[in-house]
Each structure stands twice: as C-alpha cells, then as structure tokens.
Amino acid sequence: MPSKCPVKVRQVGYSIENTPTEFLLADYGSHCFVQITQVGKVGKLIKASRDKPDHLDGHSTYTITNLLGAENEQVDILARQLVEELNRSPPYKTLLLSYSCTSTQPPISTVCSVIKELCA
C-alpha cells in the first residue's frame, strides 16, 4: 500500500516585471521551503525563524540568517515579511527562502500576495 507524502507542495508561475517567475512552496509541518526563481536555480538561501519566547508586549521577533549568497537587505526584508505571514498563528514555522531573480529588489507586496495564495 503506497504511503502518502507528508510534504505539501504547491507551485505557480507568475510574471514579475514582465519576467516569468516560478514560485514553489513546500510545507514540512514545522518548516516551510519557498523558492522564487526567474532563472531556474536555487540562488540565495535565507533562513528566517520566529524567536521564542514572545516579548511581554506581545510582538514577536525574528532571526534572519543568510546561508548562501551575497547580503541583500531587500531580500532579507522579503524573508522577514514572509516568515511573519507564515507565523500569524500556530503552528509556527521556520522559513527557508531560495531567491534567484534578475531583480535584486523584489516587489515585496507582489511576492507576499503570491505566497498568501499558495498558503490558502
């Protein structure tokens, strides 16, 4: 009897700045892998996680770690916004973001909208 794969994978193509862009979201339960590529490669890797415990004021803090690739503040901001979106409610997830696009300044609102759609 074949077993079902516990990893939920969703993929969609979208045009960003007139360039075909592939989005992949793989949900592993406690971790989530998001790949955004226009060149078909892994590219920059960032790990983003929610710190524990929450501060007494109720706001969460997040740690962003560059694993591979050059520092890029805009992509770090994108990772921060994506991990916040993933952690609006439990279960809290660690994000591994792969970003490989021709633009070094991602259109954050567009990317977040596509990821919200994939999470739905």
C-alpha atoms as a PDB file:
ATOM      1  CA  MET A   1       0.000   0.000   0.000  1.00  0.00           C
ATOM      2  CA  PRO A   2       1.638   3.290  -1.058  1.00  0.00           C
ATOM      3  CA  SER A   3       2.104   5.861   1.680  1.00  0.00           C
ATOM      4  CA  LYS A   4       1.136   9.476   1.198  1.00  0.00           C
ATOM      5  CA  CYS A   5       3.935  12.009   1.173  1.00  0.00           C
ATOM      6  CA  PRO A   6       3.569  14.230   4.268  1.00  0.00           C
ATOM      7  CA  VAL A   7       5.078  17.219   2.441  1.00  0.00           C
ATOM      8  CA  LYS A   8       2.508  19.582   0.934  1.00  0.00           C
ATOM      9  CA  VAL A   9       3.902  21.153  -2.243  1.00  0.00           C
ATOM     10  CA  ARG A  10       2.299  23.929  -4.252  1.00  0.00           C
ATOM     11  CA  GLN A  11       3.729  25.612  -7.327  1.00  0.00           C
ATOM     12  CA  VAL A  12       2.601  28.505  -9.522  1.00  0.00           C
ATOM     13  CA  GLY A  13       4.031  30.586 -12.342  1.00  0.00           C
ATOM     14  CA  TYR A  14       3.622  34.355 -12.277  1.00  0.00           C
ATOM     15  CA  SER A  15       5.002  37.310 -14.202  1.00  0.00           C
ATOM     16  CA  ILE A  16       7.047  39.840 -12.237  1.00  0.00           C
ATOM     17  CA  GLU A  17       8.287  42.883 -14.126  1.00  0.00           C
ATOM     18  CA  ASN A  18       7.400  41.053 -17.381  1.00  0.00           C
ATOM     19  CA  THR A  19       9.653  38.140 -16.450  1.00  0.00           C
ATOM     20  CA  PRO A  20       8.248  34.618 -15.919  1.00  0.00           C
ATOM     21  CA  THR A  21       8.753  33.711 -12.254  1.00  0.00           C
ATOM     22  CA  GLU A  22       8.254  30.325 -10.617  1.00  0.00           C
ATOM     23  CA  PHE A  23       7.044  30.074  -7.023  1.00  0.00           C
ATOM     24  CA  LEU A  24       7.254  26.837  -5.078  1.00  0.00           C
ATOM     25  CA  LEU A  25       6.073  26.314  -1.517  1.00  0.00           C
ATOM     26  CA  ALA A  26       6.837  23.060   0.303  1.00  0.00           C
ATOM     27  CA  ASP A  27       5.291  22.739   3.773  1.00  0.00           C
ATOM     28  CA  TYR A  28       7.094  20.247   6.010  1.00  0.00           C
ATOM     29  CA  GLY A  29       4.987  20.966   9.109  1.00  0.00           C
ATOM     30  CA  SER A  30       7.454  22.832  11.309  1.00  0.00           C
ATOM     31  CA  HIS A  31       9.466  24.177   8.354  1.00  0.00           C
ATOM     32  CA  CYS A  32       8.484  25.772   5.079  1.00  0.00           C
ATOM     33  CA  PHE A  33      10.616  25.995   1.939  1.00  0.00           C
ATOM     34  CA  VAL A  34       9.810  28.797  -0.514  1.00  0.00           C
ATOM     35  CA  GLN A  35      11.604  29.058  -3.842  1.00  0.00           C
ATOM     36  CA  ILE A  36      11.241  32.132  -6.046  1.00  0.00           C
ATOM     37  CA  THR A  37      13.183  31.885  -9.293  1.00  0.00           C
ATOM     38  CA  GLN A  38      13.360  33.519 -12.688  1.00  0.00           C
ATOM     39  CA  VAL A  39      16.470  31.627 -13.766  1.00  0.00           C
ATOM     40  CA  GLY A  40      15.686  28.047 -12.684  1.00  0.00           C
ATOM     41  CA  LYS A  41      18.351  27.928  -9.971  1.00  0.00           C
ATOM     42  CA  VAL A  42      18.407  27.928  -6.186  1.00  0.00           C
ATOM     43  CA  GLY A  43      20.329  31.195  -5.789  1.00  0.00           C
ATOM     44  CA  LYS A  44      20.450  32.991  -2.437  1.00  0.00           C
ATOM     45  CA  LEU A  45      19.346  30.964   0.609  1.00  0.00           C
ATOM     46  CA  ILE A  46      17.970  32.597   3.735  1.00  0.00           C
ATOM     47  CA  LYS A  47      16.717  31.017   6.949  1.00  0.00           C
ATOM     48  CA  ALA A  48      14.119  33.031   8.863  1.00  0.00           C
ATOM     49  CA  SER A  49      12.705  31.908  12.195  1.00  0.00           C
ATOM     50  CA  ARG A  50      10.473  33.234  14.956  1.00  0.00           C
ATOM     51  CA  ASP A  51      12.304  33.773  18.218  1.00  0.00           C
ATOM     52  CA  LYS A  52      10.932  32.303  21.424  1.00  0.00           C
ATOM     53  CA  PRO A  53       9.528  33.435  23.731  1.00  0.00           C
ATOM     54  CA  ASP A  54       7.447  36.370  22.563  1.00  0.00           C
ATOM     55  CA  HIS A  55       8.251  39.650  24.189  1.00  0.00           C
ATOM     56  CA  LEU A  56       5.957  40.727  27.008  1.00  0.00           C
ATOM     57  CA  ASP A  57       4.407  43.363  24.744  1.00  0.00           C
ATOM     58  CA  GLY A  58       3.000  40.586  22.517  1.00  0.00           C
ATOM     59  CA  HIS A  59       5.203  41.300  19.492  1.00  0.00           C
ATOM     60  CA  SER A  60       7.347  38.579  18.001  1.00  0.00           C
ATOM     61  CA  THR A  61      10.937  38.972  16.911  1.00  0.00           C
ATOM     62  CA  TYR A  62      12.570  37.078  14.077  1.00  0.00           C
ATOM     63  CA  THR A  63      16.085  35.993  13.225  1.00  0.00           C
ATOM     64  CA  ILE A  64      17.176  36.222   9.581  1.00  0.00           C
ATOM     65  CA  THR A  65      20.295  34.233   8.623  1.00  0.00           C
ATOM     66  CA  ASN A  66      21.963  34.336   5.207  1.00  0.00           C
ATOM     67  CA  LEU A  67      23.094  30.802   4.391  1.00  0.00           C
ATOM     68  CA  LEU A  68      24.301  31.282   0.798  1.00  0.00           C
ATOM     69  CA  GLY A  69      24.754  34.300  -1.429  1.00  0.00           C
ATOM     70  CA  ALA A  70      25.623  37.945  -1.020  1.00  0.00           C
ATOM     71  CA  GLU A  71      23.970  40.147   1.590  1.00  0.00           C
ATOM     72  CA  ASN A  72      20.901  41.890   0.181  1.00  0.00           C
ATOM     73  CA  GLU A  73      18.773  43.990   2.517  1.00  0.00           C
ATOM     74  CA  GLN A  74      15.720  43.906   0.231  1.00  0.00           C
ATOM     75  CA  VAL A  75      15.688  40.103   0.073  1.00  0.00           C
ATOM     76  CA  ASP A  76      16.172  39.978   3.868  1.00  0.00           C
ATOM     77  CA  ILE A  77      13.114  42.244   4.244  1.00  0.00           C
ATOM     78  CA  LEU A  78      11.191  39.914   1.943  1.00  0.00           C
ATOM     79  CA  ALA A  79      12.194  36.923   4.101  1.00  0.00           C
ATOM     80  CA  ARG A  80      11.089  38.778   7.233  1.00  0.00           C
ATOM     81  CA  GLN A  81       7.674  39.563   5.763  1.00  0.00           C
ATOM     82  CA  LEU A  82       7.183  36.006   4.519  1.00  0.00           C
ATOM     83  CA  VAL A  83       8.086  34.443   7.880  1.00  0.00           C
ATOM     84  CA  GLU A  84       5.708  36.880   9.617  1.00  0.00           C
ATOM     85  CA  GLU A  85       2.943  35.795   7.244  1.00  0.00           C
ATOM     86  CA  LEU A  86       3.659  32.108   7.913  1.00  0.00           C
ATOM     87  CA  ASN A  87       3.595  32.710  11.676  1.00  0.00           C
ATOM     88  CA  ARG A  88       0.380  34.696  12.068  1.00  0.00           C
ATOM     89  CA  SER A  89      -0.973  31.773  14.092  1.00  0.00           C
ATOM     90  CA  PRO A  90       0.340  28.416  15.366  1.00  0.00           C
ATOM     91  CA  PRO A  91       1.905  26.140  14.352  1.00  0.00           C
ATOM     92  CA  TYR A  92       4.916  28.414  13.997  1.00  0.00           C
ATOM     93  CA  LYS A  93       7.255  27.604  11.115  1.00  0.00           C
ATOM     94  CA  THR A  94      10.847  28.250  10.189  1.00  0.00           C
ATOM     95  CA  LEU A  95      11.258  29.551   6.643  1.00  0.00           C
ATOM     96  CA  LEU A  96      13.967  28.551   4.202  1.00  0.00           C
ATOM     97  CA  LEU A  97      13.803  31.026   1.300  1.00  0.00           C
ATOM     98  CA  SER A  98      15.529  30.459  -2.024  1.00  0.00           C
ATOM     99  CA  TYR A  99      15.622  33.645  -4.113  1.00  0.00           C
ATOM    100  CA  SER A 100      17.094  33.707  -7.602  1.00  0.00           C
ATOM    101  CA  CYS A 101      15.683  36.529  -9.696  1.00  0.00           C
ATOM    102  CA  THR A 102      17.140  39.022 -12.121  1.00  0.00           C
ATOM    103  CA  SER A 103      15.990  41.905  -9.903  1.00  0.00           C
ATOM    104  CA  THR A 104      17.890  42.385  -6.656  1.00  0.00           C
ATOM    105  CA  GLN A 105      14.970  44.462  -5.347  1.00  0.00           C
ATOM    106  CA  PRO A 106      11.990  42.128  -5.188  1.00  0.00           C
ATOM    107  CA  PRO A 107       8.496  43.611  -5.434  1.00  0.00           C
ATOM    108  CA  ILE A 108       7.671  42.621  -1.865  1.00  0.00           C
ATOM    109  CA  SER A 109       3.907  43.212  -1.973  1.00  0.00           C
ATOM    110  CA  THR A 110       3.525  41.126  -5.158  1.00  0.00           C
ATOM    111  CA  VAL A 111       5.635  38.257  -3.808  1.00  0.00           C
ATOM    112  CA  CYS A 112       3.747  38.268  -0.483  1.00  0.00           C
ATOM    113  CA  SER A 113       0.422  38.147  -2.357  1.00  0.00           C
ATOM    114  CA  VAL A 114       1.507  35.107  -4.370  1.00  0.00           C
ATOM    115  CA  ILE A 115       2.770  33.315  -1.246  1.00  0.00           C
ATOM    116  CA  LYS A 116      -0.526  34.051   0.591  1.00  0.00           C
ATOM    117  CA  GLU A 117      -2.341  32.495  -2.357  1.00  0.00           C
ATOM    118  CA  LEU A 118      -0.143  29.385  -2.170  1.00  0.00           C
ATOM    119  CA  CYS A 119      -0.719  29.095   1.589  1.00  0.00           C
ATOM    120  CA  ALA A 120      -4.506  29.252   1.240  1.00  0.00           C
END
